[in-house]
């Protein structure tokens, strides 16, 4: 199955606080720094939820069905559908991750 990415959404930071968050993430230099920042910023449950979304993206990229992904990750098919929407029709952020991590 060939994945078709269509950038249809756009996001621009709306406030100084949002711009600061983006700058903070962009200032991190390696996986260790990112890990430390995410743990300070988020709860363990939030980190697990975001990690689940990346796993869903990985599985979608492999062409696995929504039902199988839901069962494998323990999320609803609604969550898989939502992640798929942002993967295929979002701003392109997930696409960058797919190209950099999963297309090797």
N, C-alpha and C. Protein backbone atom coordinates (compact mmCIF):
# COMPACT_ATOMS: atom_id res chain seq x y z
N UNK A 1 0.84 -1.19 0.00
CA UNK A 1 0.00 0.00 0.00
C UNK A 1 0.88 1.25 0.00
N UNK A 2 0.68 2.11 -0.92
CA UNK A 2 1.45 3.35 -0.98
C UNK A 2 0.71 4.42 -0.18
N UNK A 3 1.44 5.04 0.71
CA UNK A 3 0.84 6.09 1.53
C UNK A 3 0.84 7.40 0.76
N UNK A 4 -0.26 8.11 0.85
CA UNK A 4 -0.39 9.39 0.19
C UNK A 4 -0.53 10.47 1.25
N UNK A 5 0.44 11.34 1.29
CA UNK A 5 0.41 12.43 2.25
C UNK A 5 -0.07 13.68 1.52
N UNK A 6 -1.05 14.34 2.09
CA UNK A 6 -1.57 15.57 1.50
C UNK A 6 -1.59 16.62 2.60
N UNK A 7 -0.70 17.56 2.51
CA UNK A 7 -0.64 18.62 3.50
C UNK A 7 -1.85 19.54 3.29
N UNK A 8 -2.83 19.45 4.18
CA UNK A 8 -4.03 20.26 4.01
C UNK A 8 -4.26 21.20 5.19
N UNK A 9 -3.60 20.94 6.28
CA UNK A 9 -3.77 21.78 7.47
C UNK A 9 -2.56 22.68 7.62
N UNK A 10 -2.73 23.73 8.38
CA UNK A 10 -1.64 24.63 8.66
C UNK A 10 -1.71 25.03 10.12
N UNK A 11 -0.56 25.15 10.75
CA UNK A 11 -0.54 25.59 12.14
C UNK A 11 0.52 26.67 12.29
N UNK A 12 0.11 27.76 12.86
CA UNK A 12 1.03 28.83 13.20
C UNK A 12 0.85 29.12 14.68
N UNK A 13 1.94 29.17 15.42
CA UNK A 13 1.83 29.47 16.85
C UNK A 13 1.02 30.75 17.06
N UNK A 14 0.09 30.69 18.01
CA UNK A 14 -0.83 31.80 18.22
C UNK A 14 -0.41 32.77 19.31
N UNK A 15 0.54 32.37 20.12
CA UNK A 15 0.92 33.25 21.23
C UNK A 15 2.42 33.16 21.48
N UNK A 16 2.90 34.07 22.28
CA UNK A 16 4.30 34.06 22.68
C UNK A 16 4.63 32.75 23.40
N UNK A 17 3.69 32.26 24.21
CA UNK A 17 3.92 31.01 24.95
C UNK A 17 4.08 29.82 24.01
N UNK A 18 3.26 29.76 22.98
CA UNK A 18 3.38 28.67 22.01
C UNK A 18 4.70 28.76 21.25
N UNK A 19 5.09 29.96 20.86
CA UNK A 19 6.37 30.16 20.18
C UNK A 19 7.52 29.76 21.09
N UNK A 20 7.42 30.06 22.37
CA UNK A 20 8.46 29.70 23.33
C UNK A 20 8.57 28.18 23.47
N UNK A 21 7.44 27.49 23.51
CA UNK A 21 7.45 26.03 23.58
C UNK A 21 8.16 25.44 22.36
N UNK A 22 7.84 25.93 21.19
CA UNK A 22 8.46 25.45 19.96
C UNK A 22 9.97 25.73 19.99
N UNK A 23 10.34 26.90 20.43
CA UNK A 23 11.77 27.24 20.54
C UNK A 23 12.47 26.36 21.56
N UNK A 24 11.78 26.07 22.66
CA UNK A 24 12.38 25.21 23.69
C UNK A 24 12.67 23.82 23.12
N UNK A 25 11.70 23.26 22.40
CA UNK A 25 11.91 21.94 21.80
C UNK A 25 13.03 22.00 20.76
N UNK A 26 13.02 23.03 19.96
CA UNK A 26 14.05 23.18 18.93
C UNK A 26 15.44 23.39 19.47
N UNK A 27 15.55 23.84 20.70
CA UNK A 27 16.87 24.09 21.30
C UNK A 27 17.54 22.83 21.81
N UNK A 28 16.78 21.74 21.92
CA UNK A 28 17.33 20.50 22.46
C UNK A 28 18.27 19.86 21.44
N UNK A 29 19.38 19.31 21.94
CA UNK A 29 20.46 18.88 21.04
C UNK A 29 20.54 17.38 20.81
N UNK A 30 19.95 16.57 21.67
CA UNK A 30 20.09 15.12 21.50
C UNK A 30 18.95 14.40 22.21
N UNK A 31 18.90 13.08 22.03
CA UNK A 31 17.82 12.28 22.62
C UNK A 31 17.76 12.40 24.13
N UNK A 32 18.91 12.47 24.77
CA UNK A 32 18.92 12.58 26.24
C UNK A 32 18.26 13.88 26.68
N UNK A 33 18.60 14.98 26.03
CA UNK A 33 17.99 16.26 26.39
C UNK A 33 16.49 16.25 26.13
N UNK A 34 16.08 15.67 25.02
CA UNK A 34 14.65 15.58 24.71
C UNK A 34 13.95 14.75 25.78
N UNK A 35 14.54 13.62 26.14
CA UNK A 35 13.96 12.75 27.17
C UNK A 35 13.81 13.49 28.49
N UNK A 36 14.83 14.20 28.89
CA UNK A 36 14.78 14.95 30.15
C UNK A 36 13.70 16.03 30.10
N UNK A 37 13.63 16.73 28.99
CA UNK A 37 12.64 17.80 28.85
C UNK A 37 11.22 17.24 28.87
N UNK A 38 11.00 16.17 28.08
CA UNK A 38 9.65 15.59 28.04
C UNK A 38 9.22 15.11 29.42
N UNK A 39 10.13 14.50 30.17
CA UNK A 39 9.75 14.01 31.51
C UNK A 39 9.42 15.16 32.44
N UNK A 40 10.13 16.27 32.33
CA UNK A 40 9.83 17.43 33.18
C UNK A 40 8.53 18.10 32.74
N UNK A 41 8.26 18.09 31.45
CA UNK A 41 7.09 18.76 30.89
C UNK A 41 5.81 17.96 31.05
N UNK A 42 5.90 16.64 30.87
CA UNK A 42 4.72 15.78 30.78
C UNK A 42 4.68 14.74 31.90
N UNK A 43 3.48 14.23 32.15
CA UNK A 43 3.35 13.10 33.06
C UNK A 43 3.76 11.83 32.31
N UNK A 44 4.00 10.76 33.05
CA UNK A 44 4.33 9.48 32.42
C UNK A 44 3.19 9.04 31.50
N UNK A 45 1.95 9.22 31.93
CA UNK A 45 0.79 8.84 31.12
C UNK A 45 0.77 9.64 29.81
N UNK A 46 1.08 10.92 29.87
CA UNK A 46 1.10 11.74 28.65
C UNK A 46 2.22 11.28 27.71
N UNK A 47 3.38 10.96 28.26
CA UNK A 47 4.48 10.47 27.44
C UNK A 47 4.07 9.16 26.76
N UNK A 48 3.44 8.27 27.51
CA UNK A 48 2.98 7.00 26.94
C UNK A 48 1.95 7.23 25.84
N UNK A 49 1.05 8.19 26.02
CA UNK A 49 0.05 8.49 25.01
C UNK A 49 0.70 9.01 23.73
N UNK A 50 1.67 9.90 23.86
CA UNK A 50 2.35 10.42 22.68
C UNK A 50 3.17 9.31 22.01
N UNK A 51 3.79 8.46 22.81
CA UNK A 51 4.54 7.33 22.25
C UNK A 51 3.60 6.39 21.49
N UNK A 52 2.41 6.19 22.00
CA UNK A 52 1.40 5.37 21.32
C UNK A 52 1.07 5.95 19.95
N UNK A 53 0.96 7.25 19.87
CA UNK A 53 0.64 7.88 18.58
C UNK A 53 1.74 7.65 17.56
N UNK A 54 2.99 7.70 18.00
CA UNK A 54 4.10 7.44 17.09
C UNK A 54 4.07 5.98 16.64
N UNK A 55 3.73 5.07 17.55
CA UNK A 55 3.61 3.66 17.19
C UNK A 55 2.48 3.46 16.19
N UNK A 56 1.38 4.17 16.37
CA UNK A 56 0.27 4.09 15.41
C UNK A 56 0.74 4.57 14.04
N UNK A 57 1.49 5.66 14.00
CA UNK A 57 2.03 6.16 12.73
C UNK A 57 2.93 5.10 12.09
N UNK A 58 3.78 4.47 12.88
CA UNK A 58 4.67 3.44 12.35
C UNK A 58 3.87 2.29 11.73
N UNK A 59 2.84 1.86 12.43
CA UNK A 59 2.01 0.75 11.95
C UNK A 59 1.19 1.15 10.73
N UNK A 60 0.66 2.36 10.73
CA UNK A 60 -0.07 2.85 9.54
C UNK A 60 0.86 2.86 8.33
N UNK A 61 2.08 3.29 8.54
CA UNK A 61 3.06 3.34 7.46
C UNK A 61 3.35 1.96 6.90
N UNK A 62 3.18 0.93 7.71
CA UNK A 62 3.37 -0.44 7.25
C UNK A 62 2.13 -1.00 6.55
N UNK A 63 1.04 -0.22 6.54
CA UNK A 63 -0.17 -0.65 5.87
C UNK A 63 -1.06 -1.57 6.70
N UNK A 64 -0.85 -1.60 8.00
CA UNK A 64 -1.65 -2.45 8.87
C UNK A 64 -3.03 -1.83 9.05
N UNK A 65 -4.05 -2.68 9.16
CA UNK A 65 -5.44 -2.19 9.26
C UNK A 65 -5.66 -1.45 10.58
N UNK A 66 -6.63 -0.56 10.54
CA UNK A 66 -6.97 0.23 11.73
C UNK A 66 -7.37 -0.70 12.89
N UNK A 67 -8.15 -1.74 12.58
CA UNK A 67 -8.60 -2.66 13.63
C UNK A 67 -7.42 -3.38 14.28
N UNK A 68 -6.47 -3.84 13.47
CA UNK A 68 -5.30 -4.52 14.02
C UNK A 68 -4.44 -3.57 14.84
N UNK A 69 -4.30 -2.34 14.37
CA UNK A 69 -3.53 -1.35 15.10
C UNK A 69 -4.19 -1.06 16.45
N UNK A 70 -5.50 -0.89 16.44
CA UNK A 70 -6.22 -0.62 17.68
C UNK A 70 -6.01 -1.76 18.68
N UNK A 71 -6.13 -2.97 18.20
CA UNK A 71 -5.95 -4.13 19.08
C UNK A 71 -4.52 -4.21 19.60
N UNK A 72 -3.56 -4.01 18.73
CA UNK A 72 -2.15 -4.12 19.10
C UNK A 72 -1.72 -3.03 20.08
N UNK A 73 -2.24 -1.83 19.92
CA UNK A 73 -1.82 -0.72 20.77
C UNK A 73 -2.73 -0.47 21.96
N UNK A 74 -3.90 -1.09 21.94
CA UNK A 74 -4.82 -0.91 23.05
C UNK A 74 -5.60 0.39 23.01
N UNK A 75 -5.69 1.00 21.83
CA UNK A 75 -6.47 2.23 21.68
C UNK A 75 -7.71 1.93 20.87
N UNK A 76 -8.61 2.89 20.80
CA UNK A 76 -9.83 2.71 20.00
C UNK A 76 -9.52 2.94 18.53
N UNK A 77 -10.39 2.43 17.68
CA UNK A 77 -10.23 2.70 16.25
C UNK A 77 -10.43 4.19 15.96
N UNK A 78 -11.17 4.87 16.82
CA UNK A 78 -11.33 6.32 16.68
C UNK A 78 -9.99 7.02 16.83
N UNK A 79 -9.19 6.58 17.79
CA UNK A 79 -7.86 7.16 17.98
C UNK A 79 -6.99 6.88 16.77
N UNK A 80 -7.04 5.65 16.27
CA UNK A 80 -6.25 5.31 15.08
C UNK A 80 -6.69 6.19 13.91
N UNK A 81 -7.98 6.37 13.74
CA UNK A 81 -8.51 7.20 12.66
C UNK A 81 -8.02 8.64 12.80
N UNK A 82 -8.04 9.15 14.01
CA UNK A 82 -7.59 10.53 14.26
C UNK A 82 -6.11 10.68 13.90
N UNK A 83 -5.29 9.74 14.35
CA UNK A 83 -3.86 9.80 14.02
C UNK A 83 -3.67 9.68 12.51
N UNK A 84 -4.41 8.79 11.87
CA UNK A 84 -4.32 8.63 10.42
C UNK A 84 -4.68 9.94 9.70
N UNK A 85 -5.70 10.61 10.19
CA UNK A 85 -6.08 11.89 9.58
C UNK A 85 -4.90 12.86 9.60
N UNK A 86 -4.25 12.99 10.76
CA UNK A 86 -3.14 13.93 10.87
C UNK A 86 -1.91 13.44 10.11
N UNK A 87 -1.75 12.12 9.99
CA UNK A 87 -0.65 11.58 9.20
C UNK A 87 -0.82 11.92 7.72
N UNK A 88 -2.02 11.67 7.20
CA UNK A 88 -2.24 11.82 5.76
C UNK A 88 -2.71 13.20 5.33
N UNK A 89 -3.33 13.96 6.23
CA UNK A 89 -3.88 15.26 5.85
C UNK A 89 -3.55 16.37 6.83
N UNK A 90 -2.56 16.15 7.65
CA UNK A 90 -2.18 17.15 8.65
C UNK A 90 -1.22 18.18 8.09
N UNK A 91 -0.37 18.70 8.94
CA UNK A 91 0.57 19.74 8.55
C UNK A 91 1.87 19.20 7.98
N UNK A 92 2.06 17.88 8.06
CA UNK A 92 3.28 17.28 7.54
C UNK A 92 4.26 16.85 8.61
N UNK A 93 3.92 17.10 9.87
CA UNK A 93 4.82 16.74 10.97
C UNK A 93 5.04 15.25 11.08
N UNK A 94 3.97 14.48 11.04
CA UNK A 94 4.11 13.02 11.09
C UNK A 94 4.88 12.53 9.86
N UNK A 95 4.65 13.13 8.72
CA UNK A 95 5.33 12.73 7.49
C UNK A 95 6.84 12.87 7.66
N UNK A 96 7.28 13.93 8.29
CA UNK A 96 8.71 14.12 8.55
C UNK A 96 9.25 12.96 9.37
N UNK A 97 8.52 12.57 10.41
CA UNK A 97 8.95 11.47 11.26
C UNK A 97 8.99 10.16 10.46
N UNK A 98 7.98 9.91 9.64
CA UNK A 98 7.95 8.70 8.81
C UNK A 98 9.19 8.66 7.92
N UNK A 99 9.48 9.75 7.27
CA UNK A 99 10.62 9.80 6.34
C UNK A 99 11.95 9.63 7.07
N UNK A 100 12.07 10.20 8.25
CA UNK A 100 13.34 10.16 8.96
C UNK A 100 13.56 8.90 9.76
N UNK A 101 12.48 8.31 10.29
CA UNK A 101 12.66 7.15 11.16
C UNK A 101 12.26 5.83 10.53
N UNK A 102 11.26 5.84 9.66
CA UNK A 102 10.69 4.58 9.20
C UNK A 102 10.89 4.28 7.73
N UNK A 103 11.58 5.12 7.01
CA UNK A 103 11.78 4.90 5.58
C UNK A 103 13.22 4.53 5.27
N UNK A 104 13.89 3.95 6.22
CA UNK A 104 15.31 3.60 6.03
C UNK A 104 15.45 2.23 5.45
